[in-house]
N, C-alpha and C. Protein backbone atom coordinates (compact mmCIF):
# COMPACT_ATOMS: atom_id res chain seq x y z
N MET A 1 -7.49 14.33 5.32
CA MET A 1 -7.08 14.50 6.55
C MET A 1 -8.25 13.75 7.47
N ARG A 2 -7.75 13.12 8.55
CA ARG A 2 -8.73 12.42 9.44
C ARG A 2 -8.48 12.82 10.89
N ARG A 3 -9.63 13.02 11.60
CA ARG A 3 -9.63 13.36 13.03
C ARG A 3 -10.17 12.23 13.87
N THR A 4 -9.30 11.86 14.76
CA THR A 4 -9.82 10.73 15.81
C THR A 4 -9.78 11.37 17.13
N THR A 5 -10.93 11.24 17.79
CA THR A 5 -11.24 11.91 19.21
C THR A 5 -11.04 10.75 20.13
N ILE A 6 -10.20 10.90 21.22
CA ILE A 6 -10.02 9.83 22.19
C ILE A 6 -10.54 10.48 23.50
N THR A 7 -11.59 9.86 24.06
CA THR A 7 -11.99 10.27 25.39
C THR A 7 -11.63 9.25 26.57
N TYR A 8 -10.86 9.80 27.53
CA TYR A 8 -10.30 9.02 28.53
C TYR A 8 -11.33 8.78 29.61
N PRO A 9 -11.13 7.76 30.45
CA PRO A 9 -12.14 7.65 31.50
C PRO A 9 -12.34 8.80 32.52
N ASP A 10 -11.23 9.57 32.70
CA ASP A 10 -11.34 10.69 33.57
C ASP A 10 -12.05 11.85 32.92
N GLY A 11 -12.51 11.70 31.73
CA GLY A 11 -13.34 12.82 30.97
C GLY A 11 -12.37 13.66 30.09
N SER A 12 -11.17 13.57 30.15
CA SER A 12 -10.30 14.24 29.27
C SER A 12 -10.42 13.89 27.81
N VAL A 13 -10.13 14.71 26.81
CA VAL A 13 -10.33 14.41 25.43
C VAL A 13 -9.06 14.87 24.77
N THR A 14 -8.63 14.04 23.82
CA THR A 14 -7.61 14.26 23.01
C THR A 14 -7.92 14.18 21.57
N THR A 15 -7.65 15.03 20.62
CA THR A 15 -7.93 14.91 19.26
C THR A 15 -6.63 14.63 18.36
N VAL A 16 -6.64 13.61 17.65
CA VAL A 16 -5.45 13.24 16.90
C VAL A 16 -5.82 13.48 15.43
N VAL A 17 -4.84 14.36 14.81
CA VAL A 17 -5.17 14.61 13.37
C VAL A 17 -4.08 13.79 12.59
N THR A 18 -4.59 13.00 11.64
CA THR A 18 -3.63 12.25 10.81
C THR A 18 -3.89 12.64 9.39
N GLN A 19 -2.81 12.74 8.59
CA GLN A 19 -2.90 12.97 7.25
C GLN A 19 -2.46 11.78 6.46
N ARG A 20 -3.17 11.52 5.43
CA ARG A 20 -2.83 10.34 4.53
C ARG A 20 -1.69 10.83 3.63
N SER A 21 -0.57 9.92 3.60
CA SER A 21 0.48 10.19 2.72
C SER A 21 0.23 9.64 1.37
N GLY A 22 0.87 10.13 0.36
CA GLY A 22 0.73 9.75 -0.98
C GLY A 22 -0.47 10.41 -1.67
N CYS A 23 -0.80 10.02 -2.78
CA CYS A 23 -1.93 10.75 -3.52
C CYS A 23 -3.03 9.80 -3.87
N GLY A 24 -3.00 8.59 -3.43
CA GLY A 24 -4.23 7.74 -3.66
C GLY A 24 -4.43 7.33 -5.04
N GLY A 25 -5.51 6.81 -5.50
CA GLY A 25 -5.76 6.41 -6.89
C GLY A 25 -5.74 7.39 -7.96
N GLY A 26 -5.89 8.68 -7.69
CA GLY A 26 -5.96 9.65 -8.63
C GLY A 26 -4.64 9.77 -9.41
N CYS A 27 -3.53 9.75 -8.66
CA CYS A 27 -2.27 9.92 -9.44
C CYS A 27 -1.91 8.71 -10.32
N LEU A 28 -2.33 7.57 -9.94
CA LEU A 28 -2.11 6.44 -10.72
C LEU A 28 -3.00 6.45 -12.00
N THR A 29 -4.31 6.91 -11.84
CA THR A 29 -5.00 7.02 -13.01
C THR A 29 -4.45 8.09 -14.09
N PHE A 30 -3.96 9.14 -13.54
CA PHE A 30 -3.38 10.26 -14.30
C PHE A 30 -2.12 9.66 -15.02
N LEU A 31 -1.28 8.93 -14.28
CA LEU A 31 -0.13 8.43 -14.85
C LEU A 31 -0.41 7.43 -15.93
N ALA A 32 -1.35 6.55 -15.76
CA ALA A 32 -1.73 5.57 -16.75
C ALA A 32 -2.23 6.27 -18.01
N ALA A 33 -3.08 7.35 -17.89
CA ALA A 33 -3.54 8.09 -18.99
C ALA A 33 -2.40 8.74 -19.81
N VAL A 34 -1.42 9.20 -19.09
CA VAL A 34 -0.28 9.90 -19.78
C VAL A 34 0.52 8.86 -20.53
N VAL A 35 0.82 7.71 -19.87
CA VAL A 35 1.44 6.60 -20.60
C VAL A 35 0.82 6.08 -21.90
N VAL A 36 -0.51 5.97 -21.68
CA VAL A 36 -1.32 5.49 -22.88
C VAL A 36 -1.30 6.45 -23.96
N LEU A 37 -1.47 7.73 -23.73
CA LEU A 37 -1.67 8.80 -24.58
C LEU A 37 -0.29 9.24 -25.27
N PHE A 38 0.71 9.39 -24.49
CA PHE A 38 2.01 9.94 -24.89
C PHE A 38 3.05 8.81 -24.83
N GLY A 39 2.76 7.66 -24.64
CA GLY A 39 3.84 6.57 -24.43
C GLY A 39 4.37 5.96 -25.63
N PRO A 40 4.47 4.77 -25.65
CA PRO A 40 5.35 4.01 -26.80
C PRO A 40 4.58 4.23 -28.12
N ALA A 41 3.16 4.29 -28.14
CA ALA A 41 2.58 4.24 -29.47
C ALA A 41 2.79 5.57 -30.13
N ALA A 42 3.15 6.64 -29.41
CA ALA A 42 3.53 7.87 -30.10
C ALA A 42 4.90 7.89 -30.60
N TRP A 43 5.84 7.08 -30.19
CA TRP A 43 7.19 7.14 -30.62
C TRP A 43 7.75 5.95 -31.39
N PHE A 44 7.05 4.83 -31.29
CA PHE A 44 7.64 3.61 -31.82
C PHE A 44 6.62 3.01 -32.90
N PRO A 45 7.06 2.24 -33.87
CA PRO A 45 6.17 1.50 -34.68
C PRO A 45 5.40 0.44 -33.95
N LEU A 46 4.39 0.03 -34.53
CA LEU A 46 3.31 -0.88 -33.77
C LEU A 46 3.97 -2.06 -33.04
N PRO A 47 4.82 -2.87 -33.77
CA PRO A 47 5.40 -4.08 -33.03
C PRO A 47 6.15 -3.63 -31.73
N TRP A 48 7.02 -2.59 -31.85
CA TRP A 48 7.75 -2.18 -30.76
C TRP A 48 6.87 -1.44 -29.70
N ALA A 49 5.76 -0.83 -30.03
CA ALA A 49 4.80 -0.24 -29.06
C ALA A 49 4.19 -1.40 -28.32
N ILE A 50 3.81 -2.43 -28.97
CA ILE A 50 3.06 -3.57 -28.25
C ILE A 50 4.08 -4.17 -27.39
N THR A 51 5.37 -4.34 -27.74
CA THR A 51 6.34 -4.97 -26.82
C THR A 51 6.50 -3.92 -25.69
N ALA A 52 6.56 -2.67 -25.76
CA ALA A 52 6.74 -1.67 -24.75
C ALA A 52 5.60 -1.81 -23.75
N TYR A 53 4.36 -1.90 -24.32
CA TYR A 53 3.15 -1.94 -23.51
C TYR A 53 3.18 -3.18 -22.69
N VAL A 54 3.61 -4.28 -23.18
CA VAL A 54 3.74 -5.51 -22.45
C VAL A 54 4.72 -5.46 -21.38
N GLY A 55 5.85 -4.71 -21.59
CA GLY A 55 6.93 -4.52 -20.63
C GLY A 55 6.23 -3.63 -19.48
N LEU A 56 5.56 -2.54 -19.83
CA LEU A 56 5.01 -1.76 -18.75
C LEU A 56 3.90 -2.48 -17.91
N GLY A 57 3.19 -3.31 -18.61
CA GLY A 57 2.24 -4.14 -17.85
C GLY A 57 2.95 -5.04 -16.89
N ALA A 58 4.12 -5.56 -17.25
CA ALA A 58 4.85 -6.54 -16.38
C ALA A 58 5.35 -5.75 -15.20
N VAL A 59 5.80 -4.52 -15.58
CA VAL A 59 6.30 -3.66 -14.33
C VAL A 59 5.15 -3.39 -13.48
N VAL A 60 3.99 -3.00 -13.88
CA VAL A 60 2.99 -2.74 -12.97
C VAL A 60 2.51 -3.94 -12.26
N VAL A 61 2.55 -5.23 -12.78
CA VAL A 61 2.20 -6.33 -12.09
C VAL A 61 3.23 -6.64 -11.01
N LEU A 62 4.43 -6.56 -11.33
CA LEU A 62 5.57 -6.68 -10.26
C LEU A 62 5.34 -5.76 -9.16
N ALA A 63 5.12 -4.51 -9.52
CA ALA A 63 5.00 -3.41 -8.43
C ALA A 63 3.78 -3.85 -7.49
N GLY A 64 2.62 -4.30 -8.18
CA GLY A 64 1.51 -4.72 -7.34
C GLY A 64 1.77 -5.91 -6.48
N ILE A 65 2.59 -6.80 -6.98
CA ILE A 65 2.86 -7.99 -5.99
C ILE A 65 3.89 -7.49 -4.92
N GLY A 66 4.79 -6.68 -5.33
CA GLY A 66 5.63 -6.10 -4.21
C GLY A 66 4.87 -5.33 -3.14
N ARG A 67 3.76 -4.52 -3.51
CA ARG A 67 2.99 -3.92 -2.58
C ARG A 67 2.22 -4.90 -1.66
N LEU A 68 1.65 -5.91 -2.33
CA LEU A 68 0.89 -6.88 -1.58
C LEU A 68 1.85 -7.49 -0.49
N VAL A 69 3.12 -7.90 -1.01
CA VAL A 69 3.97 -8.62 -0.09
C VAL A 69 4.36 -7.57 1.04
N LYS A 70 4.63 -6.34 0.79
CA LYS A 70 4.95 -5.41 1.83
C LYS A 70 3.74 -5.28 2.85
N ASN A 71 2.54 -5.16 2.28
CA ASN A 71 1.31 -5.07 3.22
C ASN A 71 1.19 -6.33 4.08
N ALA A 72 1.40 -7.48 3.47
CA ALA A 72 1.27 -8.72 4.22
C ALA A 72 2.27 -8.98 5.36
N ARG A 73 3.55 -8.36 5.11
CA ARG A 73 4.52 -8.47 6.11
C ARG A 73 4.20 -7.50 7.17
N ARG A 74 3.66 -6.29 6.94
CA ARG A 74 3.36 -5.34 7.87
C ARG A 74 2.19 -5.74 8.69
N THR A 75 1.21 -6.48 8.23
CA THR A 75 0.13 -6.85 9.07
C THR A 75 0.11 -8.22 9.56
N ALA A 76 1.25 -8.87 9.47
CA ALA A 76 1.24 -10.28 9.93
C ALA A 76 1.30 -10.29 11.41
N PRO A 77 0.55 -11.20 12.05
CA PRO A 77 0.51 -11.24 13.46
C PRO A 77 1.86 -11.60 14.07
N GLY A 78 2.11 -11.13 15.22
CA GLY A 78 3.47 -11.49 15.86
C GLY A 78 3.29 -12.95 16.50
N ALA A 79 4.39 -13.23 17.24
CA ALA A 79 4.36 -14.56 17.86
C ALA A 79 3.36 -14.57 19.11
N THR A 80 2.78 -15.61 19.23
CA THR A 80 1.86 -15.68 20.41
C THR A 80 2.63 -15.69 21.66
N PRO A 81 2.03 -15.12 22.73
CA PRO A 81 2.83 -15.05 24.05
C PRO A 81 2.80 -16.35 24.66
N PRO A 82 3.77 -16.69 25.49
CA PRO A 82 3.86 -18.03 26.09
C PRO A 82 2.69 -18.18 27.18
N GLY A 83 2.42 -19.48 27.23
CA GLY A 83 1.26 -19.72 28.30
C GLY A 83 1.79 -19.46 29.70
N PRO A 84 0.87 -19.85 30.65
CA PRO A 84 1.22 -19.50 32.05
C PRO A 84 2.32 -20.61 32.52
N LEU A 85 3.14 -20.23 33.41
CA LEU A 85 4.16 -21.05 33.91
C LEU A 85 3.61 -22.13 34.77
N ALA A 86 4.25 -23.35 34.86
CA ALA A 86 3.82 -24.25 35.65
C ALA A 86 3.96 -23.97 37.13
N PRO A 87 3.18 -24.46 38.16
CA PRO A 87 3.45 -24.12 39.43
C PRO A 87 4.65 -24.83 40.04
N PRO A 88 5.38 -24.23 40.94
CA PRO A 88 6.55 -24.81 41.42
C PRO A 88 6.28 -26.26 42.08
N PRO A 89 7.25 -27.15 42.05
CA PRO A 89 6.96 -28.46 42.60
C PRO A 89 6.82 -28.37 44.11
N VAL A 90 6.07 -29.19 44.69
CA VAL A 90 5.81 -29.22 46.21
C VAL A 90 6.75 -30.14 46.94
């Protein structure tokens, strides 16, 4: 949770409380540990387990690329405002 205090020029104060959505890096670490410990190596012979881990790695890479693209689109600057108008002709 994060608190932001805004003080206005007239002296009034507003406190905004924002809560972070998601679970951050802890959930991903836990999920990775579960996949490694109880994933393909526990169920398949070695060649298939290796193939499954390569597939999981590809999914993770694609998800990361998707996240980067999403963040890049969200933070892209908008169009620049037009310049001042020319004065009317005399």
